[in-house]
Amino acid sequence: MAAVANLTIDQGATFSSDVTVTDSAGDAFNLTNHTVSAKIAKGYSSANTRTVLTTNVATPTNGVITLSLTADQTAALDAPARYVYDVEITSSDSTVTRVIEGIITVNPGVVG
């Protein structure tokens, strides 16, 4: 089962958040030889409101994944709104595991 981490994004601002993947013992998960992907959507089955989060793993052995969106990408999100998101890792043998999921709250920016 994936860990739950709820996030907040300010509409129109650059977004970056680090999430840590741990194993069943609570130790950092070694992401070496894994690829990482993440997406957000207005709802679990919503196909037309999906946005891909940029993912970066600077040091695979520490289990930290940086999720990010540009200011233009966050400006395109509805606000105020709540989205769902998930982060999946794919191992070298093509096994896909959802490791983190949650709700993203988007706070509106001042218009004009």
Protein backbone atom coordinates (compact mmCIF):
# COMPACT_ATOMS: atom_id res chain seq x y z
CA MET A 1 0.00 0.00 0.00
CA ALA A 2 1.25 3.45 -0.90
CA ALA A 3 2.16 6.03 1.72
CA VAL A 4 -0.14 9.06 1.90
CA ALA A 5 1.28 12.58 1.66
CA ASN A 6 -1.04 15.53 1.06
CA LEU A 7 0.44 18.58 -0.67
CA THR A 8 -0.47 22.23 -1.33
CA ILE A 9 0.25 24.18 -4.51
CA ASP A 10 -0.08 27.94 -4.93
CA GLN A 11 -1.58 28.68 -8.34
CA GLY A 12 0.84 30.60 -10.58
CA ALA A 13 3.90 29.86 -8.41
CA THR A 14 6.72 27.43 -9.02
CA PHE A 15 6.07 24.24 -7.05
CA SER A 16 8.63 21.82 -5.64
CA SER A 17 8.27 19.21 -2.93
CA ASP A 18 10.48 16.37 -1.78
CA VAL A 19 8.84 13.06 -0.89
CA THR A 20 10.73 10.16 0.64
CA VAL A 21 10.14 6.53 -0.28
CA THR A 22 10.85 4.05 2.51
CA ASP A 23 10.85 0.28 2.69
CA SER A 24 8.81 -1.83 5.12
CA ALA A 25 11.47 -1.34 7.82
CA GLY A 26 11.25 2.46 7.48
CA ASP A 27 14.64 2.78 5.80
CA ALA A 28 15.22 4.86 2.67
CA PHE A 29 14.29 2.87 -0.43
CA ASN A 30 17.15 2.54 -2.92
CA LEU A 31 15.80 3.90 -6.22
CA THR A 32 18.83 2.77 -8.24
CA ASN A 33 17.67 1.06 -11.47
CA HIS A 34 14.12 2.40 -11.02
CA THR A 35 12.28 5.01 -13.04
CA VAL A 36 9.84 7.37 -11.36
CA SER A 37 6.63 8.94 -12.66
CA ALA A 38 3.94 11.09 -11.07
CA LYS A 39 0.66 12.59 -12.20
CA ILE A 40 -2.18 14.68 -10.85
CA ALA A 41 -5.84 14.72 -11.86
CA LYS A 42 -9.13 16.27 -10.77
CA GLY A 43 -10.43 12.79 -10.01
CA TYR A 44 -9.26 9.21 -10.06
CA SER A 45 -11.00 8.40 -13.34
CA SER A 46 -10.67 11.82 -14.95
CA ALA A 47 -8.85 11.48 -18.26
CA ASN A 48 -8.93 15.09 -19.50
CA THR A 49 -7.55 16.90 -16.46
CA ARG A 50 -4.28 15.03 -15.99
CA THR A 51 -0.98 16.82 -15.49
CA VAL A 52 2.39 15.10 -15.34
CA LEU A 53 4.57 16.17 -12.43
CA THR A 54 8.27 16.48 -13.17
CA THR A 55 10.20 13.97 -11.07
CA ASN A 56 13.87 14.04 -10.13
CA VAL A 57 15.96 11.62 -8.08
CA ALA A 58 19.23 13.37 -7.24
CA THR A 59 20.67 10.60 -5.06
CA PRO A 60 18.93 7.25 -5.68
CA THR A 61 20.15 5.67 -2.43
CA ASN A 62 18.39 8.20 -0.15
CA GLY A 63 14.87 7.48 -1.47
CA VAL A 64 14.03 11.15 -2.02
CA ILE A 65 12.00 12.13 -5.07
CA THR A 66 11.55 15.78 -5.96
CA LEU A 67 8.18 16.58 -7.53
CA SER A 68 7.86 19.88 -9.37
CA LEU A 69 5.74 22.04 -11.66
CA THR A 70 6.59 25.31 -13.38
CA ALA A 71 4.71 28.52 -12.62
CA ASP A 72 2.96 28.21 -16.00
CA GLN A 73 1.84 24.68 -15.16
CA THR A 74 0.41 25.69 -11.77
CA ALA A 75 -1.30 28.73 -13.34
CA ALA A 76 -3.17 26.30 -15.63
CA LEU A 77 -4.58 24.36 -12.66
CA ASP A 78 -8.10 25.12 -11.45
CA ALA A 79 -8.18 26.96 -8.13
CA PRO A 80 -9.44 26.72 -5.56
CA ALA A 81 -9.52 23.01 -6.21
CA ARG A 82 -8.49 19.62 -4.94
CA TYR A 83 -6.66 17.12 -7.08
CA VAL A 84 -5.48 13.59 -6.46
CA TYR A 85 -1.95 12.45 -7.28
CA ASP A 86 0.26 9.42 -7.20
CA VAL A 87 3.91 8.53 -7.60
CA GLU A 88 4.90 5.22 -9.15
CA ILE A 89 8.27 3.55 -9.50
CA THR A 90 9.12 1.02 -12.17
CA SER A 91 11.88 -1.50 -11.50
CA SER A 92 14.30 -2.85 -14.09
CA ASP A 93 12.06 -5.94 -14.47
CA SER A 94 9.08 -3.64 -15.35
CA THR A 95 7.30 -4.10 -12.02
CA VAL A 96 5.26 -0.97 -11.28
CA THR A 97 4.61 0.01 -7.65
CA ARG A 98 2.61 2.98 -6.42
CA VAL A 99 4.69 4.33 -3.55
CA ILE A 100 3.01 7.64 -2.62
CA GLU A 101 -0.47 9.05 -3.14
CA GLY A 102 -2.57 11.83 -1.76
CA ILE A 103 -4.55 15.00 -2.28
CA ILE A 104 -3.17 18.24 -3.66
CA THR A 105 -4.95 21.42 -2.64
CA VAL A 106 -4.49 24.27 -5.11
CA ASN A 107 -4.75 27.75 -3.59
CA PRO A 108 -5.83 30.50 -6.01
CA GLY A 109 -3.62 33.44 -6.88
CA VAL A 110 -4.76 37.06 -7.17
CA VAL A 111 -6.08 37.74 -10.65
CA GLY A 112 -4.78 40.68 -12.65
